[in-house]
Amino acid sequence: MGLGMIGIVLPLLPTTPLLLLASFFFVKGSSKFEKWFKGTNVYKNHLEEFVKNRAMTRKQKLTILLFADFMIAIPFFLTDSNLVKVFLLLIVVYKYYYFITKIKTIKKLG
């Protein structure tokens, strides 16, 4: 969980997967936490359908992709290292590839 929290301010660390992994282990260890987490708006709006069907709406995908792009753009423009810039661009390309090819797009929920 700590690495995920650091990833919020240091975009080179994959925040979302680390926090999801931490949540997975918390849920496995605590039914009280599982009930609370699955009742939050974050879970219901962004994760519930993905967890059930490995699918998201176009709006959910765009929201996540654009927010991640914004967070990756910060170090991209602040660094002078071309190697870091190339690495960040590769992350962006892979992120779009994954969201387009590996996660189904569904119609609006509800």
Protein backbone atom coordinates (compact mmCIF):
# COMPACT_ATOMS: atom_id res chain seq x y z
CA MET A 1 0.00 0.00 0.00
CA GLY A 2 2.88 2.30 0.83
CA LEU A 3 4.35 1.94 -2.67
CA GLY A 4 0.95 2.74 -4.17
CA MET A 5 0.72 5.89 -2.07
CA ILE A 6 4.22 6.95 -3.14
CA GLY A 7 3.14 6.32 -6.73
CA ILE A 8 0.54 9.09 -6.40
CA VAL A 9 3.30 11.70 -6.35
CA LEU A 10 5.94 9.70 -8.24
CA PRO A 11 4.30 8.64 -11.52
CA LEU A 12 7.04 6.13 -12.33
CA LEU A 13 5.43 3.75 -9.82
CA PRO A 14 2.19 2.12 -10.96
CA THR A 15 -0.23 3.52 -8.37
CA THR A 16 -3.47 1.82 -9.37
CA PRO A 17 -2.21 -1.78 -9.64
CA LEU A 18 -0.36 -1.50 -6.32
CA LEU A 19 -3.39 -0.06 -4.53
CA LEU A 20 -5.66 -2.68 -6.09
CA LEU A 21 -3.26 -5.40 -4.99
CA ALA A 22 -3.21 -3.98 -1.46
CA SER A 23 -7.01 -3.79 -1.47
CA PHE A 24 -7.20 -7.40 -2.65
CA PHE A 25 -5.11 -8.57 0.29
CA PHE A 26 -7.02 -6.36 2.76
CA VAL A 27 -10.30 -7.76 1.46
CA LYS A 28 -9.02 -11.33 1.83
CA GLY A 29 -8.01 -10.61 5.41
CA SER A 30 -11.05 -8.65 6.60
CA SER A 31 -14.71 -9.16 5.75
CA LYS A 32 -15.47 -5.83 7.45
CA PHE A 33 -13.05 -4.03 5.12
CA GLU A 34 -14.45 -5.89 2.11
CA LYS A 35 -17.99 -4.79 2.94
CA TRP A 36 -16.89 -1.18 3.45
CA PHE A 37 -14.72 -1.04 0.31
CA LYS A 38 -17.39 -2.55 -1.95
CA GLY A 39 -19.83 0.04 -0.64
CA THR A 40 -17.71 3.03 -1.65
CA ASN A 41 -18.50 5.12 -4.72
CA VAL A 42 -14.97 4.61 -6.05
CA TYR A 43 -15.52 0.85 -6.14
CA LYS A 44 -19.04 1.08 -7.55
CA ASN A 45 -18.20 3.67 -10.23
CA HIS A 46 -14.82 2.40 -11.41
CA LEU A 47 -14.14 -1.16 -10.31
CA GLU A 48 -17.32 -3.15 -9.76
CA GLU A 49 -18.10 -3.88 -13.41
CA PHE A 50 -14.43 -4.45 -14.18
CA VAL A 51 -14.10 -6.96 -11.35
CA LYS A 52 -17.26 -8.80 -12.40
CA ASN A 53 -16.88 -8.83 -16.18
CA ARG A 54 -13.45 -7.40 -16.98
CA ALA A 55 -15.27 -4.61 -18.79
CA MET A 56 -15.66 -0.82 -18.52
CA THR A 57 -17.76 1.84 -20.15
CA ARG A 58 -16.10 4.16 -22.64
CA LYS A 59 -16.46 7.01 -20.13
CA GLN A 60 -14.72 5.00 -17.38
CA LYS A 61 -11.87 4.11 -19.71
CA LEU A 62 -11.43 7.69 -20.88
CA THR A 63 -11.53 9.05 -17.34
CA ILE A 64 -8.80 6.67 -16.19
CA LEU A 65 -6.67 7.07 -19.32
CA LEU A 66 -6.80 10.86 -19.34
CA PHE A 67 -6.09 11.16 -15.63
CA ALA A 68 -3.12 8.81 -16.01
CA ASP A 69 -1.91 10.79 -19.05
CA PHE A 70 -2.04 14.00 -17.04
CA MET A 71 -0.07 12.42 -14.19
CA ILE A 72 2.53 11.02 -16.63
CA ALA A 73 2.81 14.39 -18.41
CA ILE A 74 4.06 16.08 -15.24
CA PRO A 75 7.39 14.22 -15.00
CA PHE A 76 7.60 14.09 -18.80
CA PHE A 77 7.80 17.89 -19.01
CA LEU A 78 9.84 18.32 -15.82
CA THR A 79 12.65 15.91 -16.71
CA ASP A 80 15.61 16.59 -18.94
CA SER A 81 16.40 12.90 -19.39
CA ASN A 82 15.48 11.58 -22.80
CA LEU A 83 15.63 8.03 -21.45
CA VAL A 84 12.93 8.83 -18.87
CA LYS A 85 10.82 10.53 -21.54
CA VAL A 86 11.03 7.47 -23.80
CA PHE A 87 10.14 5.21 -20.87
CA LEU A 88 7.10 7.37 -20.03
CA LEU A 89 5.96 7.33 -23.66
CA LEU A 90 6.25 3.54 -23.71
CA ILE A 91 4.08 3.39 -20.59
CA VAL A 92 1.43 5.55 -22.30
CA VAL A 93 1.48 3.43 -25.46
CA TYR A 94 1.18 0.20 -23.48
CA LYS A 95 -1.59 1.65 -21.32
CA TYR A 96 -3.69 2.50 -24.40
CA TYR A 97 -2.92 -0.87 -25.99
CA TYR A 98 -4.05 -2.66 -22.84
CA PHE A 99 -7.26 -0.64 -22.38
CA ILE A 100 -8.22 -0.97 -26.05
CA THR A 101 -7.40 -4.64 -26.60
CA LYS A 102 -7.68 -6.34 -23.20
CA ILE A 103 -10.61 -4.60 -21.49
CA LYS A 104 -14.05 -4.92 -23.10
CA THR A 105 -15.99 -1.73 -23.73
CA ILE A 106 -19.63 -1.93 -22.65
CA LYS A 107 -22.63 0.36 -22.95
CA LYS A 108 -23.63 2.59 -20.04
CA LEU A 109 -24.19 0.85 -16.74
CA GLY A 110 -27.67 0.51 -15.31
